[in-house]
N, C-alpha and C. Protein backbone atom coordinates (compact mmCIF):
# COMPACT_ATOMS: atom_id res chain seq x y z
N UNK A 1 1.45 -35.43 23.99
CA UNK A 1 2.23 -34.40 23.56
C UNK A 1 1.98 -33.07 23.18
N UNK A 2 1.88 -31.83 24.15
CA UNK A 2 1.43 -30.60 23.55
C UNK A 2 1.39 -30.44 22.04
N UNK A 3 0.52 -30.10 21.31
CA UNK A 3 0.55 -29.15 19.86
C UNK A 3 1.54 -28.47 20.23
N UNK A 4 2.19 -28.20 18.92
CA UNK A 4 3.18 -27.22 18.87
C UNK A 4 2.53 -26.10 18.39
N UNK A 5 2.48 -24.61 18.30
CA UNK A 5 1.54 -23.75 18.26
C UNK A 5 2.62 -23.19 16.81
N UNK A 6 1.58 -22.93 15.82
CA UNK A 6 2.40 -22.55 14.75
C UNK A 6 3.23 -20.92 14.62
N UNK A 7 4.62 -20.78 14.15
CA UNK A 7 5.10 -19.92 14.56
C UNK A 7 4.59 -18.68 13.67
N UNK A 8 4.86 -17.64 14.17
CA UNK A 8 4.55 -16.46 12.64
C UNK A 8 5.80 -15.40 12.73
N UNK A 9 6.50 -15.39 11.68
CA UNK A 9 7.29 -14.83 11.34
C UNK A 9 6.93 -13.42 10.77
N UNK A 10 7.33 -11.93 11.75
CA UNK A 10 6.41 -11.25 10.93
C UNK A 10 7.60 -10.06 10.58
N UNK A 11 7.07 -9.59 9.20
CA UNK A 11 7.72 -8.15 9.01
C UNK A 11 6.83 -6.77 9.35
N UNK A 12 7.10 -5.85 9.96
CA UNK A 12 6.36 -4.82 9.90
C UNK A 12 6.90 -3.38 9.31
N UNK A 13 6.02 -2.91 8.14
CA UNK A 13 6.32 -1.83 7.59
C UNK A 13 5.60 -0.80 7.77
N UNK A 14 6.20 0.74 8.10
CA UNK A 14 5.75 1.88 8.57
C UNK A 14 6.49 2.73 8.48
N UNK A 15 5.78 4.20 8.08
CA UNK A 15 6.75 5.34 7.84
C UNK A 15 7.03 5.74 9.30
N UNK A 16 5.74 5.56 10.52
CA UNK A 16 5.93 6.29 11.61
C UNK A 16 6.55 5.00 12.56
N UNK A 17 7.64 5.05 13.52
CA UNK A 17 8.53 5.08 13.97
C UNK A 17 7.98 4.05 14.97
N UNK A 18 6.68 5.19 16.18
CA UNK A 18 5.58 4.92 17.34
C UNK A 18 5.37 3.89 16.76
N UNK A 19 4.63 3.57 15.29
CA UNK A 19 3.62 2.59 15.24
C UNK A 19 4.33 1.28 15.22
N UNK A 20 5.84 1.46 14.16
CA UNK A 20 6.45 0.02 14.36
C UNK A 20 6.65 -0.48 15.78
N UNK A 21 7.15 0.82 16.68
CA UNK A 21 7.68 0.25 18.27
C UNK A 21 6.45 -0.38 18.77
N UNK A 22 5.29 -0.34 18.67
CA UNK A 22 3.95 -0.41 19.56
C UNK A 22 3.65 -1.68 19.00
N UNK A 23 3.89 -2.54 17.72
CA UNK A 23 3.34 -3.52 16.79
C UNK A 23 4.42 -4.34 17.68
N UNK A 24 5.78 -4.36 17.69
CA UNK A 24 7.19 -4.90 17.82
C UNK A 24 6.83 -5.58 19.62
N UNK A 25 6.79 -4.25 20.48
CA UNK A 25 6.19 -4.07 21.39
C UNK A 25 5.53 -5.69 21.74
N UNK A 26 4.20 -5.36 21.34
CA UNK A 26 3.26 -6.34 21.41
C UNK A 26 3.46 -7.42 20.61
N UNK A 27 3.76 -7.61 19.58
CA UNK A 27 4.27 -9.08 19.18
C UNK A 27 5.46 -9.68 19.86
N UNK A 28 6.46 -9.15 20.70
CA UNK A 28 7.34 -9.52 21.33
C UNK A 28 7.33 -10.10 22.80
N UNK A 29 5.93 -10.33 22.96
CA UNK A 29 4.89 -10.51 24.35
C UNK A 29 4.53 -12.05 24.17
N UNK A 30 4.56 -12.43 23.01
CA UNK A 30 3.49 -13.18 22.93
C UNK A 30 4.54 -14.97 21.88
N UNK A 31 4.56 -16.04 22.62
CA UNK A 31 5.66 -16.87 22.48
C UNK A 31 5.44 -17.34 20.69
N UNK A 32 4.43 -17.54 20.06
CA UNK A 32 5.03 -17.72 18.72
C UNK A 32 4.69 -16.67 17.82
N UNK A 33 4.70 -15.45 17.93
CA UNK A 33 5.06 -14.46 17.06
C UNK A 33 6.48 -13.99 17.04
N UNK A 34 6.78 -13.50 15.88
CA UNK A 34 8.56 -13.37 16.00
C UNK A 34 8.83 -12.61 15.26
N UNK A 35 8.88 -11.09 15.50
CA UNK A 35 9.21 -10.20 14.50
C UNK A 35 10.68 -10.35 14.15
N UNK A 36 11.07 -10.59 12.57
CA UNK A 36 11.99 -10.71 11.65
C UNK A 36 12.60 -9.59 11.36
N UNK A 37 11.90 -8.44 11.07
CA UNK A 37 12.54 -7.32 11.41
C UNK A 37 11.57 -6.36 10.29
N UNK A 38 11.74 -4.52 10.79
CA UNK A 38 11.31 -3.64 10.30
C UNK A 38 11.47 -2.91 9.18
N UNK A 39 10.45 -2.17 8.76
CA UNK A 39 11.00 -1.05 7.49
C UNK A 39 10.39 -0.07 7.16
N UNK A 40 10.83 0.65 6.40
CA UNK A 40 10.27 2.39 6.28
C UNK A 40 9.52 2.93 5.25
N UNK A 41 10.23 2.00 4.52
CA UNK A 41 9.68 2.11 2.87
C UNK A 41 9.58 0.97 2.30
N UNK A 42 9.32 0.89 0.65
CA UNK A 42 8.96 -0.59 0.17
C UNK A 42 10.58 -1.02 -0.52
N UNK A 43 11.59 -0.29 -0.73
CA UNK A 43 12.93 -0.38 -0.80
C UNK A 43 13.13 -1.36 0.51
N UNK A 44 13.48 -0.78 1.51
CA UNK A 44 13.72 -1.25 3.33
C UNK A 44 12.95 -2.79 2.58
N UNK A 45 11.32 -2.53 2.67
CA UNK A 45 10.66 -4.00 3.00
C UNK A 45 11.36 -4.99 1.53
N UNK A 46 11.76 -4.82 0.73
CA UNK A 46 12.09 -5.83 -0.41
C UNK A 46 13.64 -6.53 -0.06
N UNK A 47 14.28 -5.66 0.96
CA UNK A 47 15.42 -6.10 1.09
C UNK A 47 14.95 -7.26 2.17
N UNK A 48 14.18 -6.65 3.09
CA UNK A 48 13.80 -7.93 3.87
C UNK A 48 13.06 -9.15 3.76
N UNK A 49 12.56 -9.06 2.85
CA UNK A 49 11.62 -10.33 2.17
C UNK A 49 12.73 -11.01 1.62
N UNK A 50 13.68 -10.49 0.51
CA UNK A 50 15.14 -11.07 0.27
C UNK A 50 15.96 -11.69 1.67
N UNK A 51 15.75 -11.74 2.52
CA UNK A 51 16.39 -12.01 3.85
C UNK A 51 16.19 -12.76 4.62
N UNK A 52 15.01 -12.77 4.87
CA UNK A 52 14.28 -13.14 6.08
C UNK A 52 13.31 -14.20 5.27
N UNK A 53 12.68 -15.03 6.48
CA UNK A 53 11.76 -16.34 5.96
C UNK A 53 10.54 -15.75 6.74
N UNK A 54 9.94 -14.46 6.07
CA UNK A 54 8.81 -13.98 6.95
C UNK A 54 7.56 -14.60 6.49
N UNK A 55 6.82 -14.87 6.85
CA UNK A 55 5.23 -15.52 6.44
C UNK A 55 4.64 -14.69 6.69
N UNK A 56 4.31 -13.32 7.57
CA UNK A 56 3.37 -12.33 7.58
C UNK A 56 3.71 -11.18 7.28
N UNK A 57 2.96 -10.28 7.10
CA UNK A 57 3.13 -9.02 6.70
C UNK A 57 2.60 -8.16 7.37
N UNK A 58 2.99 -6.98 8.33
CA UNK A 58 1.91 -5.80 8.54
C UNK A 58 2.60 -4.72 7.35
N UNK A 59 1.46 -4.40 6.56
CA UNK A 59 2.07 -3.03 6.50
C UNK A 59 0.85 -1.90 6.22
N UNK A 60 1.68 -0.82 6.26
CA UNK A 60 0.76 0.77 5.87
C UNK A 60 0.60 0.90 4.53
N UNK A 61 -0.52 1.35 4.12
CA UNK A 61 -1.22 1.61 2.45
C UNK A 61 -0.37 3.12 2.09
N UNK A 62 0.70 3.56 3.00
CA UNK A 62 1.22 4.93 2.30
C UNK A 62 2.94 4.84 3.18
N UNK A 63 3.39 4.65 1.98
CA UNK A 63 5.05 4.17 2.43
C UNK A 63 5.64 5.29 0.90
N UNK A 64 6.56 6.19 2.03
CA UNK A 64 7.90 7.38 1.59
C UNK A 64 7.81 6.82 0.19
N UNK A 65 7.91 7.08 -0.67
CA UNK A 65 8.41 7.09 -2.32
C UNK A 65 8.50 5.43 -2.72
N UNK A 66 7.10 5.41 -2.48
CA UNK A 66 6.21 3.86 -2.45
C UNK A 66 5.33 3.66 -3.43
N UNK A 67 5.44 3.32 -4.77
CA UNK A 67 4.01 3.18 -5.40
C UNK A 67 3.36 1.47 -4.49
N UNK A 68 2.69 1.69 -4.15
CA UNK A 68 1.96 0.58 -2.83
C UNK A 68 1.45 -0.42 -3.80
N UNK A 69 0.54 -0.50 -5.01
CA UNK A 69 0.13 -1.24 -5.42
C UNK A 69 1.33 -2.13 -6.42
N UNK A 70 1.80 -1.40 -7.10
CA UNK A 70 2.84 -2.36 -7.82
C UNK A 70 4.04 -3.11 -6.26
N UNK A 71 4.06 -2.40 -5.31
CA UNK A 71 4.64 -3.34 -4.34
C UNK A 71 3.68 -4.75 -4.13
N UNK A 72 2.70 -4.66 -3.32
CA UNK A 72 2.01 -5.47 -3.11
C UNK A 72 1.46 -6.67 -4.20
N UNK A 73 1.75 -6.26 -6.00
CA UNK A 73 1.36 -7.18 -6.69
C UNK A 73 2.77 -7.92 -6.77
N UNK A 74 4.21 -6.98 -6.51
CA UNK A 74 5.11 -7.79 -6.55
C UNK A 74 5.35 -9.29 -5.48
N UNK A 75 4.75 -8.66 -4.05
CA UNK A 75 4.64 -9.61 -3.28
C UNK A 75 4.39 -10.31 -3.16
N UNK A 76 2.97 -10.67 -3.84
CA UNK A 76 1.92 -11.93 -4.23
C UNK A 76 2.92 -12.75 -5.57
N UNK A 77 3.02 -12.38 -6.28
CA UNK A 77 3.91 -13.09 -7.55
C UNK A 77 5.17 -13.70 -6.69
N UNK A 78 6.13 -13.17 -6.10
CA UNK A 78 7.44 -13.38 -6.02
C UNK A 78 7.25 -13.75 -4.33
N UNK A 79 6.62 -13.67 -3.32
CA UNK A 79 6.25 -14.48 -2.34
C UNK A 79 5.06 -14.73 -1.85
N UNK A 80 4.40 -15.79 -2.38
CA UNK A 80 2.80 -15.98 -2.47
C UNK A 80 2.41 -16.24 -1.14
N UNK A 81 3.95 -17.04 -0.16
CA UNK A 81 3.43 -17.86 0.84
C UNK A 81 3.23 -16.89 1.99
N UNK A 82 3.86 -15.54 1.53
CA UNK A 82 3.60 -14.45 2.86
C UNK A 82 2.04 -13.68 3.14
N UNK A 83 1.45 -13.72 3.85
CA UNK A 83 -0.09 -13.11 4.38
C UNK A 83 0.46 -12.03 4.32
N UNK A 84 -0.54 -11.05 3.58
CA UNK A 84 -0.50 -9.36 4.04
C UNK A 84 -1.62 -8.71 4.86
N UNK A 85 -1.29 -8.16 5.49
CA UNK A 85 -1.98 -7.95 6.27
C UNK A 85 -1.64 -5.69 6.71
N UNK A 86 -2.79 -5.49 5.54
CA UNK A 86 -2.94 -3.83 5.87
C UNK A 86 -3.82 -3.22 6.80
N UNK A 87 -2.21 -2.53 7.29
CA UNK A 87 -2.71 -1.57 8.49
C UNK A 87 -2.49 -0.08 8.17
N UNK A 88 -3.88 0.67 8.25
CA UNK A 88 -3.85 1.56 7.61
C UNK A 88 -5.03 2.75 8.51
N UNK A 89 -4.63 3.62 8.35
CA UNK A 89 -5.67 4.95 9.14
C UNK A 89 -6.73 4.90 7.32
N UNK A 90 -6.42 4.39 6.60
CA UNK A 90 -7.24 4.99 5.43
C UNK A 90 -8.63 3.78 5.89
N UNK A 91 -9.62 4.29 5.39
CA UNK A 91 -10.96 3.38 5.84
C UNK A 91 -11.85 3.59 4.75
N UNK A 92 -11.61 3.91 3.66
CA UNK A 92 -12.93 3.83 2.98
C UNK A 92 -13.12 2.72 2.51
N UNK A 93 -14.76 2.74 2.36
CA UNK A 93 -14.96 1.38 1.91
C UNK A 93 -14.82 0.82 0.78
N UNK A 94 -14.80 1.70 -0.23
CA UNK A 94 -14.42 1.68 -2.00
C UNK A 94 -12.90 0.76 -1.64
N UNK A 95 -12.10 1.93 -0.54
CA UNK A 95 -10.59 1.52 -1.25
C UNK A 95 -10.38 -0.03 -0.03
N UNK A 96 -11.17 -0.26 0.79
CA UNK A 96 -11.15 -1.44 1.17
C UNK A 96 -11.19 -2.82 0.19
N UNK A 97 -12.47 -2.08 -0.41
CA UNK A 97 -12.97 -3.53 -1.44
C UNK A 97 -11.46 -3.59 -2.35
N UNK A 98 -11.02 -2.69 -3.00
CA UNK A 98 -9.86 -2.98 -3.98
C UNK A 98 -8.77 -3.29 -3.80
N UNK A 99 -8.62 -2.88 -2.57
CA UNK A 99 -7.24 -3.55 -1.81
C UNK A 99 -7.25 -5.24 -1.57
N UNK A 100 -8.75 -5.79 -0.93
CA UNK A 100 -9.22 -7.23 -0.55
C UNK A 100 -8.79 -7.64 -2.31
N UNK A 101 -9.52 -6.87 -3.32
CA UNK A 101 -9.61 -7.77 -4.09
C UNK A 101 -8.00 -7.92 -4.78
N UNK A 102 -7.91 -7.03 -4.65
CA UNK A 102 -5.90 -7.07 -4.87
C UNK A 102 -5.45 -7.91 -4.80
N UNK A 103 -5.29 -8.54 -3.70
CA UNK A 103 -4.79 -9.68 -2.95
C UNK A 103 -4.32 -9.53 -1.60
N UNK A 104 -4.87 -8.49 -0.76
CA UNK A 104 -4.16 -8.15 0.59
C UNK A 104 -5.23 -9.05 1.41
N UNK A 105 -4.32 -9.98 2.27
CA UNK A 105 -5.59 -11.12 3.13
C UNK A 105 -6.30 -10.27 4.13
N UNK A 106 -5.99 -9.40 5.20
CA UNK A 106 -6.82 -8.71 5.78
C UNK A 106 -6.45 -7.41 5.58
N UNK A 107 -7.42 -6.62 6.53
CA UNK A 107 -7.52 -4.88 6.47
C UNK A 107 -7.82 -4.46 7.98
N UNK A 108 -6.80 -3.96 8.41
CA UNK A 108 -6.97 -3.53 9.48
C UNK A 108 -7.05 -1.72 9.86
N UNK A 109 -7.32 -1.26 10.73
CA UNK A 109 -7.52 0.23 11.24
C UNK A 109 -6.24 0.13 12.20
N UNK A 110 -6.06 1.26 11.75
CA UNK A 110 -4.79 1.32 13.20
C UNK A 110 -5.37 2.03 14.97
N UNK A 111 -6.74 1.48 14.91
CA UNK A 111 -7.84 2.06 15.65
C UNK A 111 -7.94 -0.02 15.99
N UNK A 112 -7.63 -0.50 15.41
CA UNK A 112 -7.98 -2.08 15.97
C UNK A 112 -7.38 -2.55 17.26
N UNK A 113 -8.47 -3.10 18.03
CA UNK A 113 -8.13 -3.85 19.39
C UNK A 113 -6.82 -4.72 19.09
N UNK A 114 -6.35 -5.04 20.45
CA UNK A 114 -5.35 -5.84 20.30
C UNK A 114 -5.66 -7.45 19.72
N UNK A 115 -6.95 -7.63 20.32
CA UNK A 115 -7.40 -8.83 19.85
C UNK A 115 -7.64 -9.19 18.96
N UNK A 116 -7.79 -7.80 17.94
CA UNK A 116 -8.17 -8.12 16.44
C UNK A 116 -6.91 -8.20 15.65
N UNK A 117 -5.92 -7.50 16.09
CA UNK A 117 -5.09 -7.54 15.69
C UNK A 117 -4.47 -9.07 15.60
N UNK A 118 -4.55 -9.93 16.59
CA UNK A 118 -4.30 -11.41 16.99
C UNK A 118 -5.32 -12.18 15.84
N UNK A 119 -6.01 -11.51 15.99
CA UNK A 119 -7.14 -12.70 15.06
C UNK A 119 -7.07 -12.73 13.31
N UNK A 120 -6.64 -11.31 13.37
CA UNK A 120 -5.91 -11.31 11.70
C UNK A 120 -5.10 -12.27 10.97
N UNK A 121 -3.85 -12.38 12.08
CA UNK A 121 -3.17 -13.29 11.40
C UNK A 121 -3.51 -14.71 11.66
N UNK A 122 -3.98 -15.02 12.56
CA UNK A 122 -4.47 -16.25 12.67
C UNK A 122 -5.19 -17.10 11.99
N UNK A 123 -6.09 -16.22 11.09
CA UNK A 123 -7.41 -15.92 10.45
C UNK A 123 -6.55 -16.28 8.91
N UNK A 124 -5.69 -15.25 8.78
CA UNK A 124 -5.21 -15.11 7.19
C UNK A 124 -4.47 -16.61 7.19
N UNK A 125 -3.99 -17.03 8.62
CA UNK A 125 -3.25 -18.14 8.22
C UNK A 125 -3.72 -19.72 8.26
N UNK A 126 -5.19 -19.60 8.35
CA UNK A 126 -6.03 -20.62 8.11
C UNK A 126 -6.97 -20.45 6.83
N UNK A 127 -6.22 -19.70 6.33
CA UNK A 127 -6.83 -19.21 4.65
C UNK A 127 -8.12 -18.53 4.43
N UNK A 128 -8.16 -18.07 5.58
CA UNK A 128 -9.61 -16.81 5.47
C UNK A 128 -9.08 -15.31 5.08
N UNK A 129 -10.03 -14.84 5.11
CA UNK A 129 -9.82 -13.28 4.83
C UNK A 129 -10.35 -12.57 6.33
N UNK A 130 -9.95 -11.49 6.32
CA UNK A 130 -10.13 -11.06 7.63
C UNK A 130 -10.66 -8.87 7.14
N UNK A 131 -11.46 -8.56 7.90
CA UNK A 131 -11.69 -6.93 8.10
C UNK A 131 -12.03 -7.16 9.38
N UNK A 132 -11.24 -5.85 9.94
CA UNK A 132 -11.61 -5.22 11.50
C UNK A 132 -12.60 -4.46 11.38
N UNK A 133 -13.48 -4.68 12.41
CA UNK A 133 -14.86 -4.03 12.77
C UNK A 133 -14.51 -2.30 12.58
N UNK A 134 -13.03 -2.37 13.11
CA UNK A 134 -12.49 -0.60 13.29
C UNK A 134 -12.48 0.45 12.18
N UNK A 135 -12.42 -0.27 10.89
CA UNK A 135 -12.69 0.26 9.50
C UNK A 135 -13.59 0.58 8.85
N UNK A 136 -14.42 0.34 9.75
CA UNK A 136 -16.12 1.01 9.33
C UNK A 136 -16.66 1.93 10.33
N UNK A 137 -15.95 2.76 10.95
CA UNK A 137 -15.80 3.29 11.99
C UNK A 137 -15.30 5.21 11.46
N UNK A 138 -16.68 5.24 10.92
CA UNK A 138 -16.33 6.82 9.46
C UNK A 138 -15.81 7.89 10.55
N UNK A 139 -15.27 8.73 9.74
CA UNK A 139 -14.75 9.98 10.34
C UNK A 139 -15.88 11.11 9.79
N UNK A 140 -16.31 11.73 11.00
CA UNK A 140 -17.48 12.87 10.61
C UNK A 140 -16.96 14.21 10.09
N UNK A 141 -16.40 14.08 9.20
CA UNK A 141 -15.42 14.96 8.68
C UNK A 141 -16.17 15.98 7.47
N UNK A 142 -16.62 16.98 6.70
CA UNK A 142 -16.97 17.53 5.89
C UNK A 142 -16.58 17.17 4.82
N UNK A 143 -17.13 17.49 3.37
CA UNK A 143 -16.61 16.48 2.07
C UNK A 143 -16.21 17.51 1.81
N UNK A 144 -15.37 17.15 0.85
CA UNK A 144 -14.50 18.30 0.19
C UNK A 144 -14.81 18.00 -1.47
N UNK A 145 -14.44 19.07 -1.78
CA UNK A 145 -14.90 19.23 -3.27
C UNK A 145 -13.52 18.39 -3.99
N UNK A 146 -14.18 17.73 -5.14
CA UNK A 146 -13.18 16.81 -5.87
C UNK A 146 -12.25 17.58 -6.78
N UNK A 147 -11.41 18.49 -6.28
CA UNK A 147 -10.73 19.49 -7.65
C UNK A 147 -9.07 18.32 -7.59
N UNK A 148 -8.14 19.35 -7.92
CA UNK A 148 -6.80 19.09 -7.90
C UNK A 148 -6.21 19.04 -7.14
N UNK A 149 -6.03 19.48 -5.73
CA UNK A 149 -5.22 18.91 -4.41
C UNK A 149 -6.33 19.32 -3.09
N UNK A 150 -7.45 18.97 -3.24
CA UNK A 150 -8.70 19.05 -2.53
C UNK A 150 -8.92 17.79 -1.81
N UNK A 151 -8.76 16.97 -2.69
CA UNK A 151 -9.31 15.14 -2.56
C UNK A 151 -8.71 15.07 -1.11
N UNK A 152 -9.79 14.12 -0.17
CA UNK A 152 -9.29 13.87 0.60
C UNK A 152 -8.45 12.89 0.57
N UNK A 153 -7.36 12.22 1.56
CA UNK A 153 -6.42 11.32 1.15
C UNK A 153 -6.91 9.76 0.64
N UNK A 154 -7.90 9.17 1.21
CA UNK A 154 -8.53 8.27 0.76
C UNK A 154 -9.14 8.17 -0.44
N UNK A 155 -9.52 9.20 -0.78
CA UNK A 155 -10.22 9.52 -2.00
C UNK A 155 -9.07 9.51 -3.45
N UNK A 156 -8.09 10.67 -2.92
CA UNK A 156 -7.13 10.11 -4.00
C UNK A 156 -6.31 9.02 -3.64
N UNK A 157 -6.10 8.61 -2.93
CA UNK A 157 -5.43 6.84 -2.99
C UNK A 157 -6.09 6.31 -3.65
N UNK A 158 -7.93 5.96 -3.73
CA UNK A 158 -8.12 5.36 -4.61
C UNK A 158 -8.38 5.78 -5.87
N UNK A 159 -8.11 7.08 -6.38
CA UNK A 159 -8.33 7.64 -7.66
C UNK A 159 -6.74 6.84 -8.02
N UNK A 160 -5.49 6.67 -7.32
CA UNK A 160 -4.82 6.03 -8.00
C UNK A 160 -4.64 4.53 -8.47
N UNK A 161 -5.65 3.77 -7.72
CA UNK A 161 -5.81 2.48 -8.08
C UNK A 161 -6.33 2.36 -9.60
N UNK A 162 -7.02 3.76 -10.11
CA UNK A 162 -8.13 3.19 -11.47
C UNK A 162 -6.16 3.69 -12.22
N UNK A 163 -5.28 4.19 -12.01
CA UNK A 163 -4.15 4.35 -13.04
C UNK A 163 -3.96 3.09 -13.14
N UNK A 164 -3.54 2.91 -14.86
CA UNK A 164 -3.12 1.58 -15.36
C UNK A 164 -1.48 1.37 -15.12
N UNK A 165 -0.71 0.29 -15.03
CA UNK A 165 0.62 -0.11 -14.69
C UNK A 165 1.36 1.07 -15.87
N UNK A 166 0.46 1.17 -17.24
CA UNK A 166 1.44 2.02 -18.19
C UNK A 166 1.61 3.83 -17.67
N UNK A 167 0.51 3.92 -17.32
CA UNK A 167 0.40 4.71 -16.44
C UNK A 167 1.04 5.74 -15.40
N UNK A 168 1.21 4.44 -14.69
CA UNK A 168 1.91 4.32 -13.45
C UNK A 168 3.64 5.16 -13.88
N UNK A 169 3.79 4.10 -14.95
CA UNK A 169 4.89 4.17 -15.96
C UNK A 169 5.33 5.80 -16.14
N UNK A 170 4.48 6.43 -16.75
CA UNK A 170 4.98 7.19 -17.25
C UNK A 170 4.65 8.21 -16.37
N UNK A 171 3.90 8.42 -15.66
CA UNK A 171 4.09 9.16 -14.56
C UNK A 171 5.76 9.31 -13.43
N UNK A 172 6.00 8.66 -13.64
CA UNK A 172 7.60 7.93 -12.84
C UNK A 172 8.53 8.46 -13.83
N UNK A 173 8.03 8.64 -15.26
CA UNK A 173 9.53 8.72 -15.94
C UNK A 173 9.29 10.04 -16.21
N UNK A 174 7.83 10.95 -16.58
CA UNK A 174 7.51 12.15 -15.96
C UNK A 174 8.41 12.90 -15.31
N UNK A 175 8.22 12.10 -13.77
CA UNK A 175 8.62 12.84 -12.55
C UNK A 175 10.53 12.89 -12.78
N UNK A 176 10.84 12.20 -13.43
CA UNK A 176 12.40 12.34 -13.82
C UNK A 176 13.03 13.26 -14.31
N UNK A 177 11.82 13.95 -15.45
CA UNK A 177 12.19 15.08 -16.40
C UNK A 177 12.43 14.63 -17.76
N UNK A 178 11.97 13.32 -18.09
CA UNK A 178 11.57 13.19 -19.61
C UNK A 178 10.45 13.46 -20.41
N UNK A 179 10.87 13.82 -21.66
CA UNK A 179 9.89 14.71 -22.41
C UNK A 179 9.44 13.35 -22.82
N UNK A 180 7.85 13.64 -23.69
CA UNK A 180 6.73 12.72 -24.06
C UNK A 180 7.87 11.44 -25.20
N UNK A 181 8.49 12.56 -25.92
CA UNK A 181 9.66 11.57 -26.94
C UNK A 181 10.79 10.48 -26.08
N UNK A 182 11.28 11.16 -25.01
CA UNK A 182 11.56 10.45 -23.92
C UNK A 182 11.22 9.29 -23.80
N UNK A 183 10.03 9.06 -22.96
CA UNK A 183 9.42 7.97 -22.36
C UNK A 183 8.92 7.17 -23.36
N UNK A 184 8.07 7.97 -24.79
CA UNK A 184 8.32 7.29 -25.80
C UNK A 184 9.51 5.61 -26.04
N UNK A 185 10.85 6.42 -25.97
CA UNK A 185 11.64 5.52 -26.67
C UNK A 185 11.52 4.74 -25.43
N UNK A 186 11.68 4.56 -24.07
CA UNK A 186 11.96 4.07 -22.99
C UNK A 186 11.11 3.26 -23.18
N UNK A 187 9.98 3.27 -23.50
CA UNK A 187 8.71 2.31 -23.04
C UNK A 187 9.00 1.72 -24.33
N UNK A 188 8.90 1.76 -24.88
CA UNK A 188 8.93 1.35 -26.78
C UNK A 188 7.55 1.47 -27.11
N UNK A 189 7.03 2.86 -26.99
CA UNK A 189 5.73 3.23 -27.70
C UNK A 189 5.81 4.67 -28.79
N UNK A 190 4.59 4.86 -29.15
CA UNK A 190 4.42 6.07 -30.48
C UNK A 190 4.59 6.97 -29.30
N UNK A 191 5.14 8.43 -29.55
CA UNK A 191 4.67 9.45 -28.68
C UNK A 191 3.55 9.94 -28.68
N UNK A 192 2.51 9.52 -29.63
CA UNK A 192 1.20 9.51 -29.04
C UNK A 192 0.87 9.13 -28.50
N UNK A 193 1.02 7.93 -28.25
CA UNK A 193 0.20 6.60 -27.46
C UNK A 193 0.43 7.60 -26.04
N UNK A 194 1.98 7.96 -25.82
CA UNK A 194 2.66 8.79 -24.69
C UNK A 194 1.98 9.60 -24.32
N UNK A 195 1.51 10.50 -25.36
CA UNK A 195 0.48 11.84 -25.10
C UNK A 195 -0.25 11.74 -24.46
N UNK A 196 -1.09 10.55 -25.01
CA UNK A 196 -2.80 10.10 -24.74
C UNK A 196 -2.65 9.82 -23.38
N UNK A 197 -2.06 9.05 -23.00
CA UNK A 197 -1.68 8.17 -21.38
C UNK A 197 -1.33 9.89 -20.28
N UNK A 198 -0.59 10.87 -21.40
CA UNK A 198 -0.53 11.80 -20.03
C UNK A 198 -1.60 12.34 -19.92
N UNK A 199 -2.76 12.96 -21.11
CA UNK A 199 -3.67 13.19 -20.80
C UNK A 199 -4.83 12.86 -20.67
N UNK A 200 -4.78 11.60 -20.04
CA UNK A 200 -5.62 10.55 -19.94
C UNK A 200 -5.61 10.74 -17.91
N UNK A 201 -3.82 11.01 -17.74
CA UNK A 201 -3.60 10.96 -16.12
C UNK A 201 -4.25 12.74 -15.56
N UNK A 202 -3.53 13.39 -16.49
CA UNK A 202 -4.37 14.74 -16.21
C UNK A 202 -5.94 14.97 -15.86
N UNK A 203 -6.73 14.19 -16.78
CA UNK A 203 -7.91 14.37 -16.48
C UNK A 203 -8.47 13.58 -15.34
N UNK A 204 -7.80 12.75 -14.94
CA UNK A 204 -8.33 11.64 -13.86
C UNK A 204 -8.28 12.53 -12.55
N UNK A 205 -7.16 13.42 -12.44
CA UNK A 205 -6.66 13.80 -11.29
C UNK A 205 -7.18 15.69 -11.31
N UNK A 206 -8.29 16.01 -12.43
CA UNK A 206 -8.47 17.19 -13.11
C UNK A 206 -7.08 18.08 -12.57
N UNK A 207 -5.46 17.83 -13.20
CA UNK A 207 -4.82 18.75 -13.16
C UNK A 207 -4.49 19.65 -14.29
N UNK A 208 -3.62 20.61 -14.18
CA UNK A 208 -3.59 21.10 -15.50
C UNK A 208 -1.85 21.49 -16.06
N UNK A 209 -0.90 21.17 -15.09
CA UNK A 209 0.48 21.42 -15.45
C UNK A 209 0.95 19.92 -14.76
N UNK A 210 1.69 19.44 -15.57
CA UNK A 210 2.99 18.26 -14.81
C UNK A 210 3.10 18.70 -13.70
N UNK A 211 3.79 19.86 -13.27
CA UNK A 211 4.59 19.79 -11.95
C UNK A 211 3.15 20.11 -10.76
N UNK A 212 1.81 20.53 -11.44
CA UNK A 212 0.89 19.89 -10.26
C UNK A 212 1.26 18.41 -9.71
N UNK A 213 0.79 17.66 -11.18
CA UNK A 213 1.32 16.27 -11.48
C UNK A 213 2.25 15.21 -10.27
N UNK A 214 3.14 15.72 -10.51
CA UNK A 214 4.59 15.42 -9.72
C UNK A 214 4.44 15.74 -8.35
N UNK A 215 4.15 16.70 -7.98
CA UNK A 215 3.52 16.97 -6.73
C UNK A 215 2.86 16.67 -5.81
N UNK A 216 1.49 16.20 -6.84
CA UNK A 216 0.78 15.42 -6.51
C UNK A 216 1.07 13.71 -5.96
N UNK A 217 1.61 12.98 -7.05
CA UNK A 217 1.96 12.41 -6.81
C UNK A 217 3.29 11.81 -5.73
N UNK A 218 3.84 12.84 -5.67
CA UNK A 218 4.91 12.62 -4.29
C UNK A 218 4.47 12.78 -2.96
N UNK A 219 3.80 13.87 -2.81
CA UNK A 219 2.76 13.88 -1.50
C UNK A 219 2.24 12.58 -1.47
N UNK A 220 1.91 11.80 -2.36
CA UNK A 220 1.32 10.73 -1.72
C UNK A 220 1.78 8.98 -2.17
N UNK A 221 3.11 9.42 -2.16
CA UNK A 221 4.31 8.42 -2.36
C UNK A 221 4.00 7.64 -3.27
N UNK A 222 3.63 8.02 -4.50
CA UNK A 222 3.46 7.52 -5.89
C UNK A 222 4.78 7.06 -6.42
N UNK A 223 5.79 8.33 -6.43
CA UNK A 223 6.82 8.49 -6.99
C UNK A 223 7.97 8.64 -6.12
């Protein structure tokens, strides 16, 4: 009797419809690959995870209105059997290392070949970790100074990885128009502690005003 192939039940999450369509079309041509749903942001993905029995997730690292680090952490804790495969344009070595250490099972560039995509799924379900060779293809772009709005997408994304969970909370509440005292009451902290978090956040990104911070975080899908 022929051995039955393992079924890969896949969710695809990306903010670009053309990427989703391409992956779905590709997977639909393979017998044991089944796309169980697609999502465009973290909120949609959470709903899909609750309603489907997916075991594989292809996910971009920049999703609209999504704190990607918090999302990944939640998936790892709540859905430990789901294998997370980052499928992204970000190819900065430091970011790759941090994301893999954070708990992602495979890392693919959007320049990955079709065999690499298939290999990534098979490898992670064999208990391995996988980084495609395509992520090491570096762009020959001029270096940009590290100032408030001139960070490259990869650099700014990595900098957000250095924020603590409490600092992320502060950014979110600032974006809702809360004062330092409001945030202190909400998070059960002292006003002084909130002010310290706020100063540390501004210093990390060399920002001068809360308006800059909110714009910066919104553009990068943090809030």
